[in-house]
């Protein structure tokens, strides 16, 4: 299961939903069934939630920005999560 591969269940992150959208900063939580991004106090009050079963694959760059992962969803959405404090 994906969540078992995560060493920490909470991290600061930014969600990028496309080139035209502004990054959504907040705290990323990983549970057994969801990825959850709770925005910071200065951001919009919306909570972002993604079921793990809706993810088709996750890509991580081999070199370069080691804190970025790219979930590709079964509904063809492609997201980008920039996670702070992650090292290769």
PDB file of N, CA and C in Angstrom:
ATOM      1  N   UNK A   1       0.837  -1.175   0.000  1.00  0.00           N
ATOM      2  CA  UNK A   1       0.000   0.000   0.000  1.00  0.00           C
ATOM      3  C   UNK A   1       0.888   1.247   0.000  1.00  0.00           C
ATOM      4  N   UNK A   2       0.458   2.269  -0.722  1.00  0.00           N
ATOM      5  CA  UNK A   2       1.216   3.502  -0.882  1.00  0.00           C
ATOM      6  C   UNK A   2       1.547   4.157   0.449  1.00  0.00           C
ATOM      7  N   UNK A   3       0.588   4.248   1.338  1.00  0.00           N
ATOM      8  CA  UNK A   3       0.796   4.962   2.598  1.00  0.00           C
ATOM      9  C   UNK A   3       1.859   4.299   3.471  1.00  0.00           C
ATOM     10  N   UNK A   4       2.112   3.025   3.297  1.00  0.00           N
ATOM     11  CA  UNK A   4       3.135   2.338   4.072  1.00  0.00           C
ATOM     12  C   UNK A   4       4.538   2.741   3.646  1.00  0.00           C
ATOM     13  N   UNK A   5       4.694   3.298   2.459  1.00  0.00           N
ATOM     14  CA  UNK A   5       5.989   3.721   1.955  1.00  0.00           C
ATOM     15  C   UNK A   5       6.380   5.108   2.460  1.00  0.00           C
ATOM     16  N   UNK A   6       5.470   5.824   3.076  1.00  0.00           N
ATOM     17  CA  UNK A   6       5.717   7.174   3.553  1.00  0.00           C
ATOM     18  C   UNK A   6       6.329   7.099   4.945  1.00  0.00           C
ATOM     19  N   UNK A   7       7.448   7.775   5.143  1.00  0.00           N
ATOM     20  CA  UNK A   7       8.114   7.741   6.436  1.00  0.00           C
ATOM     21  C   UNK A   7       7.467   8.666   7.447  1.00  0.00           C
ATOM     22  N   UNK A   8       6.871   9.739   6.987  1.00  0.00           N
ATOM     23  CA  UNK A   8       6.194  10.666   7.885  1.00  0.00           C
ATOM     24  C   UNK A   8       4.771  10.859   7.397  1.00  0.00           C
ATOM     25  N   UNK A   9       3.866  11.071   8.287  1.00  0.00           N
ATOM     26  CA  UNK A   9       2.459  11.205   7.913  1.00  0.00           C
ATOM     27  C   UNK A   9       2.034  12.656   7.719  1.00  0.00           C
ATOM     28  N   UNK A  10       2.967  13.622   7.984  1.00  0.00           N
ATOM     29  CA  UNK A  10       2.606  15.026   7.855  1.00  0.00           C
ATOM     30  C   UNK A  10       3.819  15.806   7.371  1.00  0.00           C
ATOM     31  N   UNK A  11       3.605  16.736   6.421  1.00  0.00           N
ATOM     32  CA  UNK A  11       4.689  17.560   5.889  1.00  0.00           C
ATOM     33  C   UNK A  11       4.108  18.843   5.315  1.00  0.00           C
ATOM     34  N   UNK A  12       4.922  19.882   5.259  1.00  0.00           N
ATOM     35  CA  UNK A  12       4.524  21.116   4.603  1.00  0.00           C
ATOM     36  C   UNK A  12       4.688  20.911   3.104  1.00  0.00           C
ATOM     37  N   UNK A  13       3.708  21.359   2.316  1.00  0.00           N
ATOM     38  CA  UNK A  13       3.738  21.117   0.878  1.00  0.00           C
ATOM     39  C   UNK A  13       2.980  22.203   0.134  1.00  0.00           C
ATOM     40  N   UNK A  14       3.200  22.246  -1.186  1.00  0.00           N
ATOM     41  CA  UNK A  14       2.428  23.096  -2.082  1.00  0.00           C
ATOM     42  C   UNK A  14       1.842  22.205  -3.164  1.00  0.00           C
ATOM     43  N   UNK A  15       0.574  22.408  -3.453  1.00  0.00           N
ATOM     44  CA  UNK A  15      -0.110  21.656  -4.501  1.00  0.00           C
ATOM     45  C   UNK A  15      -0.218  22.532  -5.734  1.00  0.00           C
ATOM     46  N   UNK A  16       0.247  22.007  -6.868  1.00  0.00           N
ATOM     47  CA  UNK A  16       0.107  22.683  -8.153  1.00  0.00           C
ATOM     48  C   UNK A  16      -0.841  21.848  -8.995  1.00  0.00           C
ATOM     49  N   UNK A  17      -1.973  22.452  -9.394  1.00  0.00           N
ATOM     50  CA  UNK A  17      -2.991  21.712 -10.142  1.00  0.00           C
ATOM     51  C   UNK A  17      -2.958  21.999 -11.630  1.00  0.00           C
ATOM     52  N   UNK A  18      -2.018  22.768 -12.095  1.00  0.00           N
ATOM     53  CA  UNK A  18      -1.899  23.095 -13.505  1.00  0.00           C
ATOM     54  C   UNK A  18      -1.138  24.398 -13.674  1.00  0.00           C
ATOM     55  N   UNK A  19      -0.748  24.693 -14.900  1.00  0.00           N
ATOM     56  CA  UNK A  19       0.054  25.882 -15.167  1.00  0.00           C
ATOM     57  C   UNK A  19      -0.690  27.171 -14.846  1.00  0.00           C
ATOM     58  N   UNK A  20      -2.004  27.185 -15.015  1.00  0.00           N
ATOM     59  CA  UNK A  20      -2.777  28.409 -14.810  1.00  0.00           C
ATOM     60  C   UNK A  20      -3.220  28.614 -13.363  1.00  0.00           C
ATOM     61  N   UNK A  21      -3.126  27.604 -12.530  1.00  0.00           N
ATOM     62  CA  UNK A  21      -3.596  27.692 -11.141  1.00  0.00           C
ATOM     63  C   UNK A  21      -2.469  28.149 -10.218  1.00  0.00           C
ATOM     64  N   UNK A  22      -2.834  28.886  -9.184  1.00  0.00           N
ATOM     65  CA  UNK A  22      -1.867  29.301  -8.172  1.00  0.00           C
ATOM     66  C   UNK A  22      -1.561  28.129  -7.253  1.00  0.00           C
ATOM     67  N   UNK A  23      -0.319  28.032  -6.759  1.00  0.00           N
ATOM     68  CA  UNK A  23       0.006  26.953  -5.816  1.00  0.00           C
ATOM     69  C   UNK A  23      -0.815  27.083  -4.542  1.00  0.00           C
ATOM     70  N   UNK A  24      -1.236  25.964  -4.002  1.00  0.00           N
ATOM     71  CA  UNK A  24      -1.996  25.926  -2.759  1.00  0.00           C
ATOM     72  C   UNK A  24      -1.064  25.412  -1.663  1.00  0.00           C
ATOM     73  N   UNK A  25      -0.554  26.312  -0.781  1.00  0.00           N
ATOM     74  CA  UNK A  25       0.332  25.861   0.288  1.00  0.00           C
ATOM     75  C   UNK A  25      -0.469  25.333   1.474  1.00  0.00           C
ATOM     76  N   UNK A  26       0.130  24.424   2.204  1.00  0.00           N
ATOM     77  CA  UNK A  26      -0.543  23.907   3.388  1.00  0.00           C
ATOM     78  C   UNK A  26       0.202  22.741   3.988  1.00  0.00           C
ATOM     79  N   UNK A  27      -0.476  22.002   4.827  1.00  0.00           N
ATOM     80  CA  UNK A  27       0.086  20.821   5.461  1.00  0.00           C
ATOM     81  C   UNK A  27      -0.497  19.584   4.788  1.00  0.00           C
ATOM     82  N   UNK A  28       0.373  18.722   4.305  1.00  0.00           N
ATOM     83  CA  UNK A  28      -0.029  17.492   3.631  1.00  0.00           C
ATOM     84  C   UNK A  28      -0.075  16.359   4.655  1.00  0.00           C
ATOM     85  N   UNK A  29      -1.201  15.660   4.715  1.00  0.00           N
ATOM     86  CA  UNK A  29      -1.375  14.503   5.594  1.00  0.00           C
ATOM     87  C   UNK A  29      -1.589  13.274   4.720  1.00  0.00           C
ATOM     88  N   UNK A  30      -0.992  12.155   5.121  1.00  0.00           N
ATOM     89  CA  UNK A  30      -1.168  10.890   4.404  1.00  0.00           C
ATOM     90  C   UNK A  30      -1.820   9.911   5.366  1.00  0.00           C
ATOM     91  N   UNK A  31      -2.966   9.363   4.956  1.00  0.00           N
ATOM     92  CA  UNK A  31      -3.643   8.344   5.758  1.00  0.00           C
ATOM     93  C   UNK A  31      -3.650   7.046   4.957  1.00  0.00           C
ATOM     94  N   UNK A  32      -4.264   6.035   5.464  1.00  0.00           N
ATOM     95  CA  UNK A  32      -4.359   4.759   4.759  1.00  0.00           C
ATOM     96  C   UNK A  32      -5.200   4.820   3.501  1.00  0.00           C
ATOM     97  N   UNK A  33      -6.004   5.880   3.350  1.00  0.00           N
ATOM     98  CA  UNK A  33      -6.903   5.975   2.195  1.00  0.00           C
ATOM     99  C   UNK A  33      -6.864   7.302   1.459  1.00  0.00           C
ATOM    100  N   UNK A  34      -6.241   8.332   2.043  1.00  0.00           N
ATOM    101  CA  UNK A  34      -6.321   9.669   1.454  1.00  0.00           C
ATOM    102  C   UNK A  34      -4.991  10.419   1.480  1.00  0.00           C
ATOM    103  N   UNK A  35      -4.863  11.353   0.544  1.00  0.00           N
ATOM    104  CA  UNK A  35      -3.915  12.450   0.644  1.00  0.00           C
ATOM    105  C   UNK A  35      -4.765  13.663   0.962  1.00  0.00           C
ATOM    106  N   UNK A  36      -4.409  14.399   1.987  1.00  0.00           N
ATOM    107  CA  UNK A  36      -5.204  15.526   2.443  1.00  0.00           C
ATOM    108  C   UNK A  36      -4.292  16.732   2.566  1.00  0.00           C
ATOM    109  N   UNK A  37      -4.672  17.861   1.961  1.00  0.00           N
ATOM    110  CA  UNK A  37      -3.908  19.093   2.094  1.00  0.00           C
ATOM    111  C   UNK A  37      -4.772  20.113   2.805  1.00  0.00           C
ATOM    112  N   UNK A  38      -4.336  20.477   3.994  1.00  0.00           N
ATOM    113  CA  UNK A  38      -5.027  21.482   4.788  1.00  0.00           C
ATOM    114  C   UNK A  38      -4.309  22.808   4.574  1.00  0.00           C
ATOM    115  N   UNK A  39      -4.975  23.803   3.979  1.00  0.00           N
ATOM    116  CA  UNK A  39      -4.305  25.060   3.654  1.00  0.00           C
ATOM    117  C   UNK A  39      -3.925  25.847   4.901  1.00  0.00           C
ATOM    118  N   UNK A  40      -2.914  26.691   4.749  1.00  0.00           N
ATOM    119  CA  UNK A  40      -2.484  27.559   5.843  1.00  0.00           C
ATOM    120  C   UNK A  40      -3.512  28.643   6.106  1.00  0.00           C
ATOM    121  N   UNK A  41      -3.343  29.396   7.184  1.00  0.00           N
ATOM    122  CA  UNK A  41      -4.328  30.414   7.568  1.00  0.00           C
ATOM    123  C   UNK A  41      -4.463  31.550   6.560  1.00  0.00           C
ATOM    124  N   UNK A  42      -3.405  31.843   5.801  1.00  0.00           N
ATOM    125  CA  UNK A  42      -3.486  32.925   4.828  1.00  0.00           C
ATOM    126  C   UNK A  42      -4.048  32.464   3.484  1.00  0.00           C
ATOM    127  N   UNK A  43      -4.199  31.183   3.297  1.00  0.00           N
ATOM    128  CA  UNK A  43      -4.705  30.642   2.031  1.00  0.00           C
ATOM    129  C   UNK A  43      -6.230  30.531   2.067  1.00  0.00           C
ATOM    130  N   UNK A  44      -6.795  30.049   0.983  1.00  0.00           N
ATOM    131  CA  UNK A  44      -8.240  29.857   0.933  1.00  0.00           C
ATOM    132  C   UNK A  44      -8.651  28.777   1.938  1.00  0.00           C
ATOM    133  N   UNK A  45      -9.866  28.822   2.456  1.00  0.00           N
ATOM    134  CA  UNK A  45     -10.279  27.888   3.502  1.00  0.00           C
ATOM    135  C   UNK A  45     -10.621  26.484   3.007  1.00  0.00           C
ATOM    136  N   UNK A  46     -10.488  26.212   1.701  1.00  0.00           N
ATOM    137  CA  UNK A  46     -10.860  24.908   1.160  1.00  0.00           C
ATOM    138  C   UNK A  46      -9.870  23.825   1.571  1.00  0.00           C
ATOM    139  N   UNK A  47     -10.391  22.653   1.818  1.00  0.00           N
ATOM    140  CA  UNK A  47      -9.600  21.485   2.143  1.00  0.00           C
ATOM    141  C   UNK A  47      -9.498  20.647   0.872  1.00  0.00           C
ATOM    142  N   UNK A  48      -8.312  20.193   0.531  1.00  0.00           N
ATOM    143  CA  UNK A  48      -8.115  19.405  -0.676  1.00  0.00           C
ATOM    144  C   UNK A  48      -7.932  17.946  -0.268  1.00  0.00           C
ATOM    145  N   UNK A  49      -8.662  17.036  -0.915  1.00  0.00           N
ATOM    146  CA  UNK A  49      -8.669  15.624  -0.541  1.00  0.00           C
ATOM    147  C   UNK A  49      -8.579  14.767  -1.800  1.00  0.00           C
ATOM    148  N   UNK A  50      -7.738  13.739  -1.760  1.00  0.00           N
ATOM    149  CA  UNK A  50      -7.598  12.825  -2.888  1.00  0.00           C
ATOM    150  C   UNK A  50      -7.576  11.400  -2.347  1.00  0.00           C
ATOM    151  N   UNK A  51      -8.483  10.575  -2.847  1.00  0.00           N
ATOM    152  CA  UNK A  51      -8.485   9.158  -2.472  1.00  0.00           C
ATOM    153  C   UNK A  51      -7.274   8.475  -3.087  1.00  0.00           C
ATOM    154  N   UNK A  52      -6.570   7.659  -2.317  1.00  0.00           N
ATOM    155  CA  UNK A  52      -5.404   6.961  -2.855  1.00  0.00           C
ATOM    156  C   UNK A  52      -5.782   6.013  -3.985  1.00  0.00           C
ATOM    157  N   UNK A  53      -6.976   5.431  -3.935  1.00  0.00           N
ATOM    158  CA  UNK A  53      -7.385   4.500  -4.996  1.00  0.00           C
ATOM    159  C   UNK A  53      -7.642   5.203  -6.329  1.00  0.00           C
ATOM    160  N   UNK A  54      -7.744   6.531  -6.314  1.00  0.00           N
ATOM    161  CA  UNK A  54      -7.938   7.269  -7.567  1.00  0.00           C
ATOM    162  C   UNK A  54      -6.609   7.615  -8.242  1.00  0.00           C
ATOM    163  N   UNK A  55      -5.486   7.279  -7.589  1.00  0.00           N
ATOM    164  CA  UNK A  55      -4.165   7.538  -8.166  1.00  0.00           C
ATOM    165  C   UNK A  55      -3.756   6.338  -9.008  1.00  0.00           C
ATOM    166  N   UNK A  56      -3.381   6.611 -10.255  1.00  0.00           N
ATOM    167  CA  UNK A  56      -2.925   5.565 -11.165  1.00  0.00           C
ATOM    168  C   UNK A  56      -1.429   5.307 -10.985  1.00  0.00           C
ATOM    169  N   UNK A  57      -0.645   6.382 -10.873  1.00  0.00           N
ATOM    170  CA  UNK A  57       0.795   6.246 -10.666  1.00  0.00           C
ATOM    171  C   UNK A  57       1.337   7.518 -10.026  1.00  0.00           C
ATOM    172  N   UNK A  58       2.529   7.403  -9.453  1.00  0.00           N
ATOM    173  CA  UNK A  58       3.210   8.559  -8.877  1.00  0.00           C
ATOM    174  C   UNK A  58       4.626   8.576  -9.430  1.00  0.00           C
ATOM    175  N   UNK A  59       5.012   9.738  -9.944  1.00  0.00           N
ATOM    176  CA  UNK A  59       6.356   9.897 -10.489  1.00  0.00           C
ATOM    177  C   UNK A  59       7.170  10.780  -9.567  1.00  0.00           C
ATOM    178  N   UNK A  60       8.437  10.426  -9.434  1.00  0.00           N
ATOM    179  CA  UNK A  60       9.383  11.228  -8.668  1.00  0.00           C
ATOM    180  C   UNK A  60      10.612  11.408  -9.548  1.00  0.00           C
ATOM    181  N   UNK A  61      11.081  12.656  -9.706  1.00  0.00           N
ATOM    182  CA  UNK A  61      12.264  12.869 -10.544  1.00  0.00           C
ATOM    183  C   UNK A  61      13.467  12.109 -10.004  1.00  0.00           C
ATOM    184  N   UNK A  62      14.275  11.578 -10.914  1.00  0.00           N
ATOM    185  CA  UNK A  62      15.474  10.851 -10.521  1.00  0.00           C
ATOM    186  C   UNK A  62      16.519  11.818  -9.973  1.00  0.00           C
ATOM    187  N   UNK A  63      16.644  12.971 -10.609  1.00  0.00           N
ATOM    188  CA  UNK A  63      17.620  13.971 -10.166  1.00  0.00           C
ATOM    189  C   UNK A  63      16.924  15.321 -10.071  1.00  0.00           C
ATOM    190  N   UNK A  64      17.578  16.249  -9.420  1.00  0.00           N
ATOM    191  CA  UNK A  64      17.012  17.596  -9.345  1.00  0.00           C
ATOM    192  C   UNK A  64      16.193  17.794  -8.099  1.00  0.00           C
ATOM    193  N   UNK A  65      14.994  18.341  -8.261  1.00  0.00           N
ATOM    194  CA  UNK A  65      14.133  18.706  -7.139  1.00  0.00           C
ATOM    195  C   UNK A  65      13.625  17.451  -6.449  1.00  0.00           C
ATOM    196  N   UNK A  66      14.272  17.065  -5.358  1.00  0.00           N
ATOM    197  CA  UNK A  66      13.950  15.796  -4.705  1.00  0.00           C
ATOM    198  C   UNK A  66      12.661  15.822  -3.903  1.00  0.00           C
ATOM    199  N   UNK A  67      12.088  16.996  -3.655  1.00  0.00           N
ATOM    200  CA  UNK A  67      10.869  17.091  -2.878  1.00  0.00           C
ATOM    201  C   UNK A  67       9.611  17.165  -3.707  1.00  0.00           C
ATOM    202  N   UNK A  68       9.686  16.858  -4.983  1.00  0.00           N
ATOM    203  CA  UNK A  68       8.528  16.945  -5.865  1.00  0.00           C
ATOM    204  C   UNK A  68       8.061  15.552  -6.264  1.00  0.00           C
ATOM    205  N   UNK A  69       6.750  15.318  -6.121  1.00  0.00           N
ATOM    206  CA  UNK A  69       6.153  14.095  -6.653  1.00  0.00           C
ATOM    207  C   UNK A  69       4.987  14.492  -7.556  1.00  0.00           C
ATOM    208  N   UNK A  70       4.708  13.669  -8.542  1.00  0.00           N
ATOM    209  CA  UNK A  70       3.652  13.948  -9.508  1.00  0.00           C
ATOM    210  C   UNK A  70       2.659  12.794  -9.523  1.00  0.00           C
ATOM    211  N   UNK A  71       1.539  12.927  -8.806  1.00  0.00           N
ATOM    212  CA  UNK A  71       0.490  11.906  -8.882  1.00  0.00           C
ATOM    213  C   UNK A  71      -0.291  12.028 -10.194  1.00  0.00           C
ATOM    214  N   UNK A  72      -0.455  10.918 -10.892  1.00  0.00           N
ATOM    215  CA  UNK A  72      -1.278  10.861 -12.103  1.00  0.00           C
ATOM    216  C   UNK A  72      -2.526  10.072 -11.738  1.00  0.00           C
ATOM    217  N   UNK A  73      -3.679  10.732 -11.857  1.00  0.00           N
ATOM    218  CA  UNK A  73      -4.938  10.135 -11.418  1.00  0.00           C
ATOM    219  C   UNK A  73      -5.600   9.330 -12.522  1.00  0.00           C
ATOM    220  N   UNK A  74      -6.468   8.426 -12.130  1.00  0.00           N
ATOM    221  CA  UNK A  74      -7.198   7.600 -13.086  1.00  0.00           C
ATOM    222  C   UNK A  74      -8.153   8.412 -13.945  1.00  0.00           C
ATOM    223  N   UNK A  75      -8.575   9.601 -13.468  1.00  0.00           N
ATOM    224  CA  UNK A  75      -9.447  10.472 -14.257  1.00  0.00           C
ATOM    225  C   UNK A  75      -8.641  11.433 -15.133  1.00  0.00           C
ATOM    226  N   UNK A  76      -7.330  11.136 -15.329  1.00  0.00           N
ATOM    227  CA  UNK A  76      -6.400  11.854 -16.196  1.00  0.00           C
ATOM    228  C   UNK A  76      -5.902  13.190 -15.629  1.00  0.00           C
ATOM    229  N   UNK A  77      -6.251  13.526 -14.382  1.00  0.00           N
ATOM    230  CA  UNK A  77      -5.659  14.709 -13.757  1.00  0.00           C
ATOM    231  C   UNK A  77      -4.198  14.416 -13.434  1.00  0.00           C
ATOM    232  N   UNK A  78      -3.364  15.427 -13.623  1.00  0.00           N
ATOM    233  CA  UNK A  78      -1.962  15.335 -13.255  1.00  0.00           C
ATOM    234  C   UNK A  78      -1.692  16.460 -12.264  1.00  0.00           C
ATOM    235  N   UNK A  79      -1.255  16.099 -11.070  1.00  0.00           N
ATOM    236  CA  UNK A  79      -1.006  17.058 -10.005  1.00  0.00           C
ATOM    237  C   UNK A  79       0.489  17.092  -9.709  1.00  0.00           C
ATOM    238  N   UNK A  80       0.915  18.120  -9.020  1.00  0.00           N
ATOM    239  CA  UNK A  80       2.313  18.187  -8.584  1.00  0.00           C
ATOM    240  C   UNK A  80       2.316  18.622  -7.121  1.00  0.00           C
ATOM    241  N   UNK A  81       3.039  17.883  -6.304  1.00  0.00           N
ATOM    242  CA  UNK A  81       3.181  18.215  -4.894  1.00  0.00           C
ATOM    243  C   UNK A  81       4.651  18.518  -4.623  1.00  0.00           C
ATOM    244  N   UNK A  82       4.929  19.733  -4.171  1.00  0.00           N
ATOM    245  CA  UNK A  82       6.271  20.128  -3.757  1.00  0.00           C
ATOM    246  C   UNK A  82       6.313  20.043  -2.242  1.00  0.00           C
ATOM    247  N   UNK A  83       7.070  19.081  -1.723  1.00  0.00           N
ATOM    248  CA  UNK A  83       7.108  18.813  -0.292  1.00  0.00           C
ATOM    249  C   UNK A  83       8.389  19.408   0.285  1.00  0.00           C
ATOM    250  N   UNK A  84       8.235  20.248   1.302  1.00  0.00           N
ATOM    251  CA  UNK A  84       9.376  20.933   1.921  1.00  0.00           C
ATOM    252  C   UNK A  84      10.163  19.980   2.805  1.00  0.00           C
ATOM    253  N   UNK A  85      11.473  20.173   2.834  1.00  0.00           N
ATOM    254  CA  UNK A  85      12.314  19.434   3.755  1.00  0.00           C
ATOM    255  C   UNK A  85      12.594  17.988   3.374  1.00  0.00           C
ATOM    256  N   UNK A  86      12.296  17.603   2.138  1.00  0.00           N
ATOM    257  CA  UNK A  86      12.546  16.228   1.692  1.00  0.00           C
ATOM    258  C   UNK A  86      13.881  16.197   0.976  1.00  0.00           C
ATOM    259  N   UNK A  87      14.716  15.234   1.342  1.00  0.00           N
ATOM    260  CA  UNK A  87      16.017  15.076   0.700  1.00  0.00           C
ATOM    261  C   UNK A  87      16.058  13.756  -0.025  1.00  0.00           C
ATOM    262  N   UNK A  88      16.910  13.691  -1.038  1.00  0.00           N
ATOM    263  CA  UNK A  88      17.022  12.483  -1.860  1.00  0.00           C
ATOM    264  C   UNK A  88      17.515  11.295  -1.069  1.00  0.00           C
TER     265      UNK A  88
END
